[in-house]
C-alpha atoms as a PDB file:
ATOM      1  CA  UNK A   1     185.309  57.596  60.292  1.00  0.00           C
ATOM      2  CA  UNK A   2     186.061  60.920  58.502  1.00  0.00           C
ATOM      3  CA  UNK A   3     183.004  63.269  57.056  1.00  0.00           C
ATOM      4  CA  UNK A   4     182.889  66.242  54.978  1.00  0.00           C
ATOM      5  CA  UNK A   5     180.057  68.818  56.251  1.00  0.00           C
ATOM      6  CA  UNK A   6     178.710  71.405  53.557  1.00  0.00           C
ATOM      7  CA  UNK A   7     177.351  74.428  55.176  1.00  0.00           C
ATOM      8  CA  UNK A   8     174.792  77.031  53.490  1.00  0.00           C
ATOM      9  CA  UNK A   9     173.891  80.238  55.332  1.00  0.00           C
ATOM     10  CA  UNK A  10     171.755  83.240  54.119  1.00  0.00           C
ATOM     11  CA  UNK A  11     171.872  86.158  55.683  1.00  0.00           C
ATOM     12  CA  UNK A  12     175.653  85.542  57.141  1.00  0.00           C
ATOM     13  CA  UNK A  13     177.765  88.269  56.094  1.00  0.00           C
ATOM     14  CA  UNK A  14     181.841  88.409  56.026  1.00  0.00           C
ATOM     15  CA  UNK A  15     181.733  90.480  58.890  1.00  0.00           C
ATOM     16  CA  UNK A  16     179.788  87.771  61.286  1.00  0.00           C
ATOM     17  CA  UNK A  17     182.001  85.185  60.355  1.00  0.00           C
ATOM     18  CA  UNK A  18     185.431  87.694  60.707  1.00  0.00           C
ATOM     19  CA  UNK A  19     184.174  87.825  63.970  1.00  0.00           C
ATOM     20  CA  UNK A  20     183.172  84.820  64.966  1.00  0.00           C
ATOM     21  CA  UNK A  21     186.509  83.630  63.754  1.00  0.00           C
ATOM     22  CA  UNK A  22     187.991  85.992  65.993  1.00  0.00           C
ATOM     23  CA  UNK A  23     186.431  85.428  69.370  1.00  0.00           C
ATOM     24  CA  UNK A  24     186.656  81.781  68.841  1.00  0.00           C
ATOM     25  CA  UNK A  25     190.415  81.876  68.295  1.00  0.00           C
ATOM     26  CA  UNK A  26     190.191  78.518  65.303  1.00  0.00           C
ATOM     27  CA  UNK A  27     193.484  79.972  63.964  1.00  0.00           C
ATOM     28  CA  UNK A  28     195.354  80.212  67.268  1.00  0.00           C
ATOM     29  CA  UNK A  29     194.157  77.354  68.508  1.00  0.00           C
ATOM     30  CA  UNK A  30     192.686  74.535  65.866  1.00  0.00           C
ATOM     31  CA  UNK A  31     189.536  72.630  66.538  1.00  0.00           C
ATOM     32  CA  UNK A  32     189.844  69.020  68.124  1.00  0.00           C
ATOM     33  CA  UNK A  33     189.925  67.038  64.934  1.00  0.00           C
ATOM     34  CA  UNK A  34     189.226  69.291  62.583  1.00  0.00           C
ATOM     35  CA  UNK A  35     191.519  68.537  59.526  1.00  0.00           C
ATOM     36  CA  UNK A  36     190.173  70.954  56.680  1.00  0.00           C
ATOM     37  CA  UNK A  37     187.962  74.221  56.576  1.00  0.00           C
ATOM     38  CA  UNK A  38     186.785  76.641  53.512  1.00  0.00           C
ATOM     39  CA  UNK A  39     184.634  79.517  53.494  1.00  0.00           C
ATOM     40  CA  UNK A  40     182.887  81.327  50.777  1.00  0.00           C
ATOM     41  CA  UNK A  41     179.997  83.930  49.353  1.00  0.00           C
ATOM     42  CA  UNK A  42     177.481  83.341  47.284  1.00  0.00           C
ATOM     43  CA  UNK A  43     175.456  86.651  47.068  1.00  0.00           C
ATOM     44  CA  UNK A  44     174.493  86.666  49.953  1.00  0.00           C
ATOM     45  CA  UNK A  45     174.552  83.333  51.542  1.00  0.00           C
ATOM     46  CA  UNK A  46     177.818  81.703  53.139  1.00  0.00           C
ATOM     47  CA  UNK A  47     179.002  78.685  51.974  1.00  0.00           C
ATOM     48  CA  UNK A  48     181.699  76.523  53.707  1.00  0.00           C
ATOM     49  CA  UNK A  49     182.834  72.804  53.337  1.00  0.00           C
ATOM     50  CA  UNK A  50     184.543  71.375  56.457  1.00  0.00           C
ATOM     51  CA  UNK A  51     186.527  67.686  56.980  1.00  0.00           C
ATOM     52  CA  UNK A  52     185.805  66.768  60.204  1.00  0.00           C
ATOM     53  CA  UNK A  53     187.981  63.204  61.993  1.00  0.00           C
ATOM     54  CA  UNK A  54     183.733  62.742  63.031  1.00  0.00           C
ATOM     55  CA  UNK A  55     180.177  64.476  63.282  1.00  0.00           C
ATOM     56  CA  UNK A  56     180.561  64.253  66.623  1.00  0.00           C
ATOM     57  CA  UNK A  57     183.733  66.741  66.884  1.00  0.00           C
ATOM     58  CA  UNK A  58     182.398  69.425  64.679  1.00  0.00           C
ATOM     59  CA  UNK A  59     179.419  68.704  67.265  1.00  0.00           C
ATOM     60  CA  UNK A  60     182.286  69.236  70.017  1.00  0.00           C
ATOM     61  CA  UNK A  61     183.707  71.970  68.282  1.00  0.00           C
ATOM     62  CA  UNK A  62     179.915  74.142  67.286  1.00  0.00           C
ATOM     63  CA  UNK A  63     179.100  73.735  70.972  1.00  0.00           C
ATOM     64  CA  UNK A  64     181.628  74.705  72.960  1.00  0.00           C
ATOM     65  CA  UNK A  65     183.107  77.273  70.692  1.00  0.00           C
ATOM     66  CA  UNK A  66     181.055  78.633  68.092  1.00  0.00           C
ATOM     67  CA  UNK A  67     177.432  78.769  69.381  1.00  0.00           C
ATOM     68  CA  UNK A  68     178.372  80.468  72.627  1.00  0.00           C
ATOM     69  CA  UNK A  69     179.665  83.547  70.358  1.00  0.00           C
ATOM     70  CA  UNK A  70     176.464  83.300  67.781  1.00  0.00           C
ATOM     71  CA  UNK A  71     174.418  86.523  69.503  1.00  0.00           C
ATOM     72  CA  UNK A  72     177.475  88.805  69.821  1.00  0.00           C
ATOM     73  CA  UNK A  73     178.012  88.143  65.967  1.00  0.00           C
ATOM     74  CA  UNK A  74     174.643  89.305  65.532  1.00  0.00           C
ATOM     75  CA  UNK A  75     174.053  85.373  64.177  1.00  0.00           C
ATOM     76  CA  UNK A  76     169.855  84.188  62.708  1.00  0.00           C
ATOM     77  CA  UNK A  77     168.045  81.832  61.005  1.00  0.00           C
ATOM     78  CA  UNK A  78     169.465  78.715  60.330  1.00  0.00           C
ATOM     79  CA  UNK A  79     171.945  77.008  58.377  1.00  0.00           C
ATOM     80  CA  UNK A  80     171.332  74.316  55.755  1.00  0.00           C
ATOM     81  CA  UNK A  81     174.378  71.841  57.512  1.00  0.00           C
ATOM     82  CA  UNK A  82     174.841  68.104  55.770  1.00  0.00           C
ATOM     83  CA  UNK A  83     177.476  65.002  56.714  1.00  0.00           C
ATOM     84  CA  UNK A  84     178.989  62.978  53.776  1.00  0.00           C
ATOM     85  CA  UNK A  85     181.293  59.807  54.842  1.00  0.00           C
ATOM     86  CA  UNK A  86     184.750  60.471  53.367  1.00  0.00           C
ATOM     87  CA  UNK A  87     185.734  57.727  51.178  1.00  0.00           C
ATOM     88  CA  UNK A  88     189.239  58.935  50.933  1.00  0.00           C
ATOM     89  CA  UNK A  89     190.997  62.883  51.575  1.00  0.00           C
ATOM     90  CA  UNK A  90     194.585  63.467  50.789  1.00  0.00           C
ATOM     91  CA  UNK A  91     196.000  66.937  50.794  1.00  0.00           C
ATOM     92  CA  UNK A  92     197.971  67.746  47.169  1.00  0.00           C
ATOM     93  CA  UNK A  93     200.208  70.118  48.604  1.00  0.00           C
ATOM     94  CA  UNK A  94     201.529  67.983  51.731  1.00  0.00           C
ATOM     95  CA  UNK A  95     204.459  67.183  49.869  1.00  0.00           C
ATOM     96  CA  UNK A  96     205.275  69.888  47.978  1.00  0.00           C
ATOM     97  CA  UNK A  97     205.999  71.623  51.197  1.00  0.00           C
ATOM     98  CA  UNK A  98     209.240  74.286  51.020  1.00  0.00           C
ATOM     99  CA  UNK A  99     212.917  72.206  52.355  1.00  0.00           C
END
């Protein structure tokens, strides 16, 4: 069952995020069963909303592709991460792609 991950991580900077993105290379090699990702900052707190096929898929991505690089990017502290079961999702842009 698909899940939504909401995550807030105080003190995690844009520079750390961009460096982790480069090290994990998830734009060129997308996460298996990751559906959607958006990130923004509220003051000094990074906020993320993800949609995944399952919580286990996210955990595998976290364990295999993200956490090995936390020391290199200087990540400290722990995020507040919560999962919620998805009732329904759709991409409003899917039917509007250029021909």
